[in-house]
Every structure is written in structure tokens, then in C-alpha cells.
Amino acid sequence: MFIFAQIFKNVMARRRSNKKEEETLVDIVEARDNAKDYFGKNQKMILGIALAVALLVGAFVVYKFLIKEPQEKQAMEAMYWAEYQFARDSFAIALENPGRDMEGFLDIIDNYGGTSAANLSKYYAGVSYLNLGKYDAAVDYLESFSPKGTVTPIMKFGALGDAYSELNEFDKALSSYKKASGSGSNDLLTPYYLQKYGMLQERQGNSAEALSAYNQIKEKYPLSTEGTLVDKYISRVQ
């Protein structure tokens, strides 16, 4: 009896397995037929989407390799002479006519929009105008500059602080100096703008804020130029 029961059990198990396989096969066939039916009804839409994706990918490849990269290279080459004049403190020349029929920073900004060279030229233009005493123009170009990394944000906000100070917009100057000194830790630039921030706070009568800035210099940057002189500033506001 046990053997017959076991045989019956095995037969029933096989039947259940075969039934599941048949049901699975039916599901697969139905899914395939449904997919064919869906594609048949929506063929134009599906092909249209596929074509749109292909066109987008193609446009990206063309823009990146045939337009942007050559334009970026051309812009960087154009910027060489403008940077050369900037380094010589020939700021007006660097802005508009650096020589050798090359474009100045203003032309690079206008002619190579979207490139790294055009973005960096905004910083150069801002600092050039700052040195030329055209502080509103300096602010405009510096504000439009998009810094990257840890050093260029310090440079941007530090220069903005200088421009706003010259315009007697001291609240904006303080905000900019604070951003400059808080954008990263640089042994050369950070204590320099901390000192500017402290001195302007001191001028505005905010001794506690000034002392806090001077103490940061003393604690974090004691070997910097500002760190070797900071004790006299601390003594003055205590």
C-alpha cells in the first residue's frame, strides 16, 4: 500500500508540474501576442520615440566633439595674450585689444559663451575693471563668474568684497569677505581675507566680530604674513 501511495503521489506531482508548465507557456504566448498587438497599434509612436532618442544622442555627440571641444581649444588659445597683458597690469588692453589680432576678455566672453575660457574671462574682466576703478562693472562680471574647486571661490568673493568696499556697500563687502574666508582653507588667501573681514568689522564698530576673525588667523594661520602681525590687531579690539 505504501508503494502504491507513493506512486500515486508522484503521478499527481507530475500532473501539477505539467499543468504549471502549460500555464507558464500560455502566459508567455499571451505576452508575446499582446506585445505584437501593442507594437502594431503603436508602431508610429514607438518608432518616433526611438528616432527622437537617436537624434538627441547624435546631436550631443556632434556638439561635444565637433563644436564644443574645438571651440574650447580656440577660446583658450585666444585667451593667452589677454592673460599676458593682465599679468603685466595692462588691464584695459587685456579687456579689449591684447595685440597680435587676438581677442580680449570681453570678446572671448561674447564669442565663446558656454566655454570654460569664457567663464574664466569673466573673473579676469571683473578684476581688470576693479583695478581700473570701474567698480560696478567689476561687480557685474565677478557675480557672473562661476568658480570651481576650492581656490577660485575664495578669489571671486574676495574680489567682490574689494569692489563692494570701494562702492561703500559695506554690508555686501562683509558678506563677500565672509564667503571668501569660509569657502575653503588656503594658507595664502584665507588669512588675507579674514584680515580684511576683521578690519572692516572693526571699522563698522563690530569689535567682537573683528576679534573672532583675528583669533582665527592666530589659531589656524600663525605662519602666514597676517598671522605674524595679528597680535596688534587683537590688542586693538580687546
C-alpha atoms as a PDB file:
ATOM      1  CA  MET A   1       0.000   0.000   0.000  1.00  0.00           C
ATOM      2  CA  PHE A   2       2.780   2.375   0.804  1.00  0.00           C
ATOM      3  CA  ILE A   3       4.400   1.813  -2.619  1.00  0.00           C
ATOM      4  CA  PHE A   4       1.092   2.463  -4.468  1.00  0.00           C
ATOM      5  CA  ALA A   5       0.512   5.583  -2.385  1.00  0.00           C
ATOM      6  CA  GLN A   6       3.983   6.851  -3.235  1.00  0.00           C
ATOM      7  CA  ILE A   7       3.436   6.141  -6.968  1.00  0.00           C
ATOM      8  CA  PHE A   8       0.098   7.996  -6.858  1.00  0.00           C
ATOM      9  CA  LYS A   9       1.730  10.906  -5.097  1.00  0.00           C
ATOM     10  CA  ASN A  10       4.484  11.098  -7.735  1.00  0.00           C
ATOM     11  CA  VAL A  11       1.931  10.949 -10.578  1.00  0.00           C
ATOM     12  CA  MET A  12      -0.106  13.795  -9.054  1.00  0.00           C
ATOM     13  CA  ALA A  13       3.049  15.826  -8.534  1.00  0.00           C
ATOM     14  CA  ARG A  14       3.985  15.409 -12.192  1.00  0.00           C
ATOM     15  CA  ARG A  15       0.496  16.428 -13.258  1.00  0.00           C
ATOM     16  CA  ARG A  16       0.704  19.597 -11.169  1.00  0.00           C
ATOM     17  CA  SER A  17       4.170  20.328 -12.618  1.00  0.00           C
ATOM     18  CA  ASN A  18       2.936  19.763 -16.185  1.00  0.00           C
ATOM     19  CA  LYS A  19      -0.066  21.999 -15.509  1.00  0.00           C
ATOM     20  CA  LYS A  20       2.200  24.783 -14.240  1.00  0.00           C
ATOM     21  CA  GLU A  21       4.442  24.432 -17.291  1.00  0.00           C
ATOM     22  CA  GLU A  22       1.402  24.590 -19.573  1.00  0.00           C
ATOM     23  CA  GLU A  23       0.114  27.680 -17.750  1.00  0.00           C
ATOM     24  CA  THR A  24       3.546  29.324 -17.992  1.00  0.00           C
ATOM     25  CA  LEU A  25       3.730  28.543 -21.713  1.00  0.00           C
ATOM     26  CA  VAL A  26       0.247  30.016 -22.207  1.00  0.00           C
ATOM     27  CA  ASP A  27       1.326  33.173 -20.302  1.00  0.00           C
ATOM     28  CA  ILE A  28       4.435  33.532 -22.479  1.00  0.00           C
ATOM     29  CA  VAL A  29       2.420  33.099 -25.674  1.00  0.00           C
ATOM     30  CA  GLU A  30      -0.185  35.608 -24.479  1.00  0.00           C
ATOM     31  CA  ALA A  31       2.507  38.103 -23.506  1.00  0.00           C
ATOM     32  CA  ARG A  32       4.168  37.718 -26.906  1.00  0.00           C
ATOM     33  CA  ASP A  33       0.868  38.178 -28.722  1.00  0.00           C
ATOM     34  CA  ASN A  34      -0.004  41.192 -26.568  1.00  0.00           C
ATOM     35  CA  ALA A  35       3.399  42.736 -27.279  1.00  0.00           C
ATOM     36  CA  LYS A  36       2.919  42.225 -31.014  1.00  0.00           C
ATOM     37  CA  ASP A  37      -0.552  43.688 -30.817  1.00  0.00           C
ATOM     38  CA  TYR A  38       0.687  46.711 -28.821  1.00  0.00           C
ATOM     39  CA  PHE A  39       3.563  47.322 -31.251  1.00  0.00           C
ATOM     40  CA  GLY A  40       1.198  47.008 -34.194  1.00  0.00           C
ATOM     41  CA  LYS A  41      -1.176  49.585 -32.760  1.00  0.00           C
ATOM     42  CA  ASN A  42       1.552  51.978 -31.567  1.00  0.00           C
ATOM     43  CA  GLN A  43       4.223  51.383 -34.183  1.00  0.00           C
ATOM     44  CA  LYS A  44       4.474  55.016 -35.294  1.00  0.00           C
ATOM     45  CA  MET A  45       4.731  56.343 -31.741  1.00  0.00           C
ATOM     46  CA  ILE A  46       7.404  53.794 -30.723  1.00  0.00           C
ATOM     47  CA  LEU A  47       9.483  54.407 -33.840  1.00  0.00           C
ATOM     48  CA  GLY A  48       9.093  58.155 -33.323  1.00  0.00           C
ATOM     49  CA  ILE A  49      10.411  57.931 -29.759  1.00  0.00           C
ATOM     50  CA  ALA A  50      13.330  55.750 -30.879  1.00  0.00           C
ATOM     51  CA  LEU A  51      14.153  58.227 -33.652  1.00  0.00           C
ATOM     52  CA  ALA A  52      13.980  61.176 -31.209  1.00  0.00           C
ATOM     53  CA  VAL A  53      16.375  59.425 -28.794  1.00  0.00           C
ATOM     54  CA  ALA A  54      18.776  58.643 -31.638  1.00  0.00           C
ATOM     55  CA  LEU A  55      18.674  62.261 -32.806  1.00  0.00           C
ATOM     56  CA  LEU A  56      19.357  63.538 -29.278  1.00  0.00           C
ATOM     57  CA  VAL A  57      22.341  61.215 -28.871  1.00  0.00           C
ATOM     58  CA  GLY A  58      23.640  62.214 -32.283  1.00  0.00           C
ATOM     59  CA  ALA A  59      23.208  65.918 -31.530  1.00  0.00           C
ATOM     60  CA  PHE A  60      25.095  65.528 -28.240  1.00  0.00           C
ATOM     61  CA  VAL A  61      27.986  63.752 -29.967  1.00  0.00           C
ATOM     62  CA  VAL A  62      28.155  66.408 -32.700  1.00  0.00           C
ATOM     63  CA  TYR A  63      28.028  69.254 -30.154  1.00  0.00           C
ATOM     64  CA  LYS A  64      30.647  67.752 -27.866  1.00  0.00           C
ATOM     65  CA  PHE A  65      33.230  66.567 -30.384  1.00  0.00           C
ATOM     66  CA  LEU A  66      32.662  68.790 -33.417  1.00  0.00           C
ATOM     67  CA  ILE A  67      31.594  72.086 -31.821  1.00  0.00           C
ATOM     68  CA  LYS A  68      32.336  72.449 -28.118  1.00  0.00           C
ATOM     69  CA  GLU A  69      35.799  70.910 -27.870  1.00  0.00           C
ATOM     70  CA  PRO A  70      37.211  72.786 -30.900  1.00  0.00           C
ATOM     71  CA  GLN A  71      35.569  75.982 -29.637  1.00  0.00           C
ATOM     72  CA  GLU A  72      37.046  75.440 -26.167  1.00  0.00           C
ATOM     73  CA  LYS A  73      40.509  74.968 -27.644  1.00  0.00           C
ATOM     74  CA  GLN A  74      40.154  78.073 -29.813  1.00  0.00           C
ATOM     75  CA  ALA A  75      38.947  80.132 -26.841  1.00  0.00           C
ATOM     76  CA  MET A  76      41.886  79.046 -24.670  1.00  0.00           C
ATOM     77  CA  GLU A  77      44.323  79.948 -27.425  1.00  0.00           C
ATOM     78  CA  ALA A  78      42.657  83.339 -27.826  1.00  0.00           C
ATOM     79  CA  MET A  79      42.920  83.994 -24.090  1.00  0.00           C
ATOM     80  CA  TYR A  80      46.699  83.571 -23.993  1.00  0.00           C
ATOM     81  CA  TRP A  81      47.550  87.150 -24.988  1.00  0.00           C
ATOM     82  CA  ALA A  82      44.813  88.640 -22.840  1.00  0.00           C
ATOM     83  CA  GLU A  83      46.254  86.801 -19.833  1.00  0.00           C
ATOM     84  CA  TYR A  84      49.718  88.023 -20.795  1.00  0.00           C
ATOM     85  CA  GLN A  85      48.577  91.646 -20.743  1.00  0.00           C
ATOM     86  CA  PHE A  86      46.676  91.052 -17.497  1.00  0.00           C
ATOM     87  CA  ALA A  87      49.863  89.754 -15.867  1.00  0.00           C
ATOM     88  CA  ARG A  88      51.605  92.968 -16.968  1.00  0.00           C
ATOM     89  CA  ASP A  89      48.839  95.028 -15.265  1.00  0.00           C
ATOM     90  CA  SER A  90      47.745  96.282 -18.690  1.00  0.00           C
ATOM     91  CA  PHE A  91      44.115  95.805 -17.734  1.00  0.00           C
ATOM     92  CA  ALA A  92      42.429  97.983 -20.353  1.00  0.00           C
ATOM     93  CA  ILE A  93      44.453  96.329 -23.107  1.00  0.00           C
ATOM     94  CA  ALA A  94      43.681  92.867 -21.744  1.00  0.00           C
ATOM     95  CA  LEU A  95      39.974  93.650 -21.828  1.00  0.00           C
ATOM     96  CA  GLU A  96      39.698  94.788 -25.425  1.00  0.00           C
ATOM     97  CA  ASN A  97      42.857  94.597 -27.520  1.00  0.00           C
ATOM     98  CA  PRO A  98      45.709  92.441 -26.214  1.00  0.00           C
ATOM     99  CA  GLY A  99      47.547  92.648 -29.543  1.00  0.00           C
ATOM    100  CA  ARG A 100      48.510  90.321 -32.411  1.00  0.00           C
ATOM    101  CA  ASP A 101      44.903  90.466 -33.641  1.00  0.00           C
ATOM    102  CA  MET A 102      43.832  88.390 -30.634  1.00  0.00           C
ATOM    103  CA  GLU A 103      40.592  88.792 -28.734  1.00  0.00           C
ATOM    104  CA  GLY A 104      40.434  90.426 -25.327  1.00  0.00           C
ATOM    105  CA  PHE A 105      38.490  89.089 -22.368  1.00  0.00           C
ATOM    106  CA  LEU A 106      35.302  90.901 -23.386  1.00  0.00           C
ATOM    107  CA  ASP A 107      35.320  89.393 -26.886  1.00  0.00           C
ATOM    108  CA  ILE A 108      36.057  85.939 -25.504  1.00  0.00           C
ATOM    109  CA  ILE A 109      33.039  86.247 -23.208  1.00  0.00           C
ATOM    110  CA  ASP A 110      30.837  87.304 -26.131  1.00  0.00           C
ATOM    111  CA  ASN A 111      32.181  84.913 -28.770  1.00  0.00           C
ATOM    112  CA  TYR A 112      32.748  81.710 -26.793  1.00  0.00           C
ATOM    113  CA  GLY A 113      29.773  81.546 -24.456  1.00  0.00           C
ATOM    114  CA  GLY A 114      29.472  78.291 -22.543  1.00  0.00           C
ATOM    115  CA  THR A 115      33.191  77.524 -22.582  1.00  0.00           C
ATOM    116  CA  SER A 116      35.489  77.388 -19.580  1.00  0.00           C
ATOM    117  CA  ALA A 117      37.584  80.134 -21.172  1.00  0.00           C
ATOM    118  CA  ALA A 118      34.600  82.483 -21.383  1.00  0.00           C
ATOM    119  CA  ASN A 119      33.718  81.754 -17.757  1.00  0.00           C
ATOM    120  CA  LEU A 120      37.271  82.401 -16.564  1.00  0.00           C
ATOM    121  CA  SER A 121      37.394  85.565 -18.664  1.00  0.00           C
ATOM    122  CA  LYS A 122      34.533  86.912 -16.537  1.00  0.00           C
ATOM    123  CA  TYR A 123      36.798  86.732 -13.491  1.00  0.00           C
ATOM    124  CA  TYR A 124      39.668  88.382 -15.346  1.00  0.00           C
ATOM    125  CA  ALA A 125      37.318  91.091 -16.623  1.00  0.00           C
ATOM    126  CA  GLY A 126      35.970  91.708 -13.131  1.00  0.00           C
ATOM    127  CA  VAL A 127      39.433  92.092 -11.616  1.00  0.00           C
ATOM    128  CA  SER A 128      40.536  94.254 -14.547  1.00  0.00           C
ATOM    129  CA  TYR A 129      37.631  96.639 -14.005  1.00  0.00           C
ATOM    130  CA  LEU A 130      38.349  96.595 -10.277  1.00  0.00           C
ATOM    131  CA  ASN A 131      41.901  97.786 -10.962  1.00  0.00           C
ATOM    132  CA  LEU A 132      40.618 100.376 -13.432  1.00  0.00           C
ATOM    133  CA  GLY A 133      38.305 101.851 -10.797  1.00  0.00           C
ATOM    134  CA  LYS A 134      35.116 100.771 -12.587  1.00  0.00           C
ATOM    135  CA  TYR A 135      33.581  99.031  -9.618  1.00  0.00           C
ATOM    136  CA  ASP A 136      30.032  98.494 -10.893  1.00  0.00           C
ATOM    137  CA  ALA A 137      31.361  96.713 -13.974  1.00  0.00           C
ATOM    138  CA  ALA A 138      33.690  94.713 -11.720  1.00  0.00           C
ATOM    139  CA  VAL A 139      30.743  93.534  -9.644  1.00  0.00           C
ATOM    140  CA  ASP A 140      28.726  92.569 -12.733  1.00  0.00           C
ATOM    141  CA  TYR A 141      31.456  90.360 -14.189  1.00  0.00           C
ATOM    142  CA  LEU A 142      32.523  88.842 -10.886  1.00  0.00           C
ATOM    143  CA  GLU A 143      28.954  87.957  -9.971  1.00  0.00           C
ATOM    144  CA  SER A 144      28.514  86.162 -13.316  1.00  0.00           C
ATOM    145  CA  PHE A 145      31.708  84.130 -12.858  1.00  0.00           C
ATOM    146  CA  SER A 146      31.082  80.510 -11.790  1.00  0.00           C
ATOM    147  CA  PRO A 147      34.030  79.311  -9.672  1.00  0.00           C
ATOM    148  CA  LYS A 148      35.084  75.687  -9.332  1.00  0.00           C
ATOM    149  CA  GLY A 149      37.285  73.870  -6.854  1.00  0.00           C
ATOM    150  CA  THR A 150      38.473  75.363  -3.571  1.00  0.00           C
ATOM    151  CA  VAL A 151      40.629  78.332  -4.621  1.00  0.00           C
ATOM    152  CA  THR A 152      38.589  80.190  -7.245  1.00  0.00           C
ATOM    153  CA  PRO A 153      35.576  80.718  -4.924  1.00  0.00           C
ATOM    154  CA  ILE A 154      37.932  82.485  -2.489  1.00  0.00           C
ATOM    155  CA  MET A 155      39.279  84.611  -5.324  1.00  0.00           C
ATOM    156  CA  LYS A 156      35.808  85.513  -6.595  1.00  0.00           C
ATOM    157  CA  PHE A 157      34.295  86.539  -3.267  1.00  0.00           C
ATOM    158  CA  GLY A 158      37.471  88.288  -2.134  1.00  0.00           C
ATOM    159  CA  ALA A 159      37.493  90.461  -5.251  1.00  0.00           C
ATOM    160  CA  LEU A 160      33.769  91.123  -4.813  1.00  0.00           C
ATOM    161  CA  GLY A 161      34.456  92.244  -1.249  1.00  0.00           C
ATOM    162  CA  ASP A 162      37.019  94.729  -2.564  1.00  0.00           C
ATOM    163  CA  ALA A 163      34.616  96.051  -5.221  1.00  0.00           C
ATOM    164  CA  TYR A 164      31.748  96.480  -2.759  1.00  0.00           C
ATOM    165  CA  SER A 165      34.077  98.191  -0.275  1.00  0.00           C
ATOM    166  CA  GLU A 166      35.056 100.713  -2.961  1.00  0.00           C
ATOM    167  CA  LEU A 167      31.352 101.323  -3.619  1.00  0.00           C
ATOM    168  CA  ASN A 168      30.813 101.883   0.145  1.00  0.00           C
ATOM    169  CA  GLU A 169      28.379  98.969   0.210  1.00  0.00           C
ATOM    170  CA  PHE A 170      29.892  97.623   3.389  1.00  0.00           C
ATOM    171  CA  ASP A 171      27.249  95.045   4.277  1.00  0.00           C
ATOM    172  CA  LYS A 172      27.754  93.362   0.895  1.00  0.00           C
ATOM    173  CA  ALA A 173      31.502  93.693   1.286  1.00  0.00           C
ATOM    174  CA  LEU A 174      31.395  91.969   4.683  1.00  0.00           C
ATOM    175  CA  SER A 175      29.207  89.208   3.286  1.00  0.00           C
ATOM    176  CA  SER A 176      31.641  88.683   0.403  1.00  0.00           C
ATOM    177  CA  TYR A 177      34.723  88.638   2.637  1.00  0.00           C
ATOM    178  CA  LYS A 178      32.999  86.153   4.927  1.00  0.00           C
ATOM    179  CA  LYS A 179      32.257  83.894   1.952  1.00  0.00           C
ATOM    180  CA  ALA A 180      35.843  84.252   0.757  1.00  0.00           C
ATOM    181  CA  SER A 181      37.316  83.258   4.110  1.00  0.00           C
ATOM    182  CA  GLY A 182      34.787  80.454   4.546  1.00  0.00           C
ATOM    183  CA  SER A 183      34.906  78.947   1.050  1.00  0.00           C
ATOM    184  CA  GLY A 184      37.971  76.853   1.768  1.00  0.00           C
ATOM    185  CA  SER A 185      41.216  76.702   3.654  1.00  0.00           C
ATOM    186  CA  ASN A 186      44.111  78.221   1.755  1.00  0.00           C
ATOM    187  CA  ASP A 187      47.249  79.234   3.644  1.00  0.00           C
ATOM    188  CA  LEU A 188      47.765  82.302   1.468  1.00  0.00           C
ATOM    189  CA  LEU A 189      44.291  83.605   0.637  1.00  0.00           C
ATOM    190  CA  THR A 190      42.153  82.637   3.638  1.00  0.00           C
ATOM    191  CA  PRO A 191      44.083  84.620   6.305  1.00  0.00           C
ATOM    192  CA  TYR A 192      44.312  87.564   3.867  1.00  0.00           C
ATOM    193  CA  TYR A 193      40.535  87.823   3.553  1.00  0.00           C
ATOM    194  CA  LEU A 194      39.974  87.019   7.216  1.00  0.00           C
ATOM    195  CA  GLN A 195      42.066  90.074   7.995  1.00  0.00           C
ATOM    196  CA  LYS A 196      40.082  92.209   5.538  1.00  0.00           C
ATOM    197  CA  TYR A 197      36.856  90.933   7.073  1.00  0.00           C
ATOM    198  CA  GLY A 198      38.113  91.708  10.590  1.00  0.00           C
ATOM    199  CA  MET A 199      39.345  95.177   9.678  1.00  0.00           C
ATOM    200  CA  LEU A 200      36.041  96.107   8.030  1.00  0.00           C
ATOM    201  CA  GLN A 201      34.084  94.766  11.007  1.00  0.00           C
ATOM    202  CA  GLU A 202      36.345  96.848  13.229  1.00  0.00           C
ATOM    203  CA  ARG A 203      35.682  99.925  11.098  1.00  0.00           C
ATOM    204  CA  GLN A 204      31.947  99.273  11.390  1.00  0.00           C
ATOM    205  CA  GLY A 205      32.268  99.141  15.178  1.00  0.00           C
ATOM    206  CA  ASN A 206      31.766  95.387  15.490  1.00  0.00           C
ATOM    207  CA  SER A 207      34.702  94.587  17.759  1.00  0.00           C
ATOM    208  CA  ALA A 208      33.500  91.108  18.710  1.00  0.00           C
ATOM    209  CA  GLU A 209      33.255  90.004  15.070  1.00  0.00           C
ATOM    210  CA  ALA A 210      36.629  91.550  14.309  1.00  0.00           C
ATOM    211  CA  LEU A 211      38.230  89.763  17.274  1.00  0.00           C
ATOM    212  CA  SER A 212      36.759  86.452  16.146  1.00  0.00           C
ATOM    213  CA  ALA A 213      38.317  86.872  12.693  1.00  0.00           C
ATOM    214  CA  TYR A 214      41.707  87.850  14.131  1.00  0.00           C
ATOM    215  CA  ASN A 215      41.674  84.889  16.515  1.00  0.00           C
ATOM    216  CA  GLN A 216      41.005  82.526  13.603  1.00  0.00           C
ATOM    217  CA  ILE A 217      44.112  83.886  11.905  1.00  0.00           C
ATOM    218  CA  LYS A 218      46.167  83.426  15.070  1.00  0.00           C
ATOM    219  CA  GLU A 219      44.943  79.875  15.676  1.00  0.00           C
ATOM    220  CA  LYS A 220      44.797  78.478  12.135  1.00  0.00           C
ATOM    221  CA  TYR A 221      47.342  80.502  10.161  1.00  0.00           C
ATOM    222  CA  PRO A 222      50.056  81.610  12.602  1.00  0.00           C
ATOM    223  CA  LEU A 223      52.825  81.296   9.995  1.00  0.00           C
ATOM    224  CA  SER A 224      51.082  83.442   7.385  1.00  0.00           C
ATOM    225  CA  THR A 225      52.022  87.076   6.825  1.00  0.00           C
ATOM    226  CA  GLU A 226      48.772  88.075   8.523  1.00  0.00           C
ATOM    227  CA  GLY A 227      49.454  85.664  11.379  1.00  0.00           C
ATOM    228  CA  THR A 228      52.777  87.291  12.235  1.00  0.00           C
ATOM    229  CA  LEU A 229      51.053  90.679  12.614  1.00  0.00           C
ATOM    230  CA  VAL A 230      47.703  89.698  14.056  1.00  0.00           C
ATOM    231  CA  ASP A 231      48.579  90.254  17.735  1.00  0.00           C
ATOM    232  CA  LYS A 232      48.493  94.015  17.300  1.00  0.00           C
ATOM    233  CA  TYR A 233      45.004  93.794  15.800  1.00  0.00           C
ATOM    234  CA  ILE A 234      43.842  91.578  18.644  1.00  0.00           C
ATOM    235  CA  SER A 235      45.230  94.018  21.221  1.00  0.00           C
ATOM    236  CA  ARG A 236      43.486  96.890  19.490  1.00  0.00           C
ATOM    237  CA  VAL A 237      39.980  95.394  19.703  1.00  0.00           C
ATOM    238  CA  GLN A 238      40.209  93.654  23.083  1.00  0.00           C
END
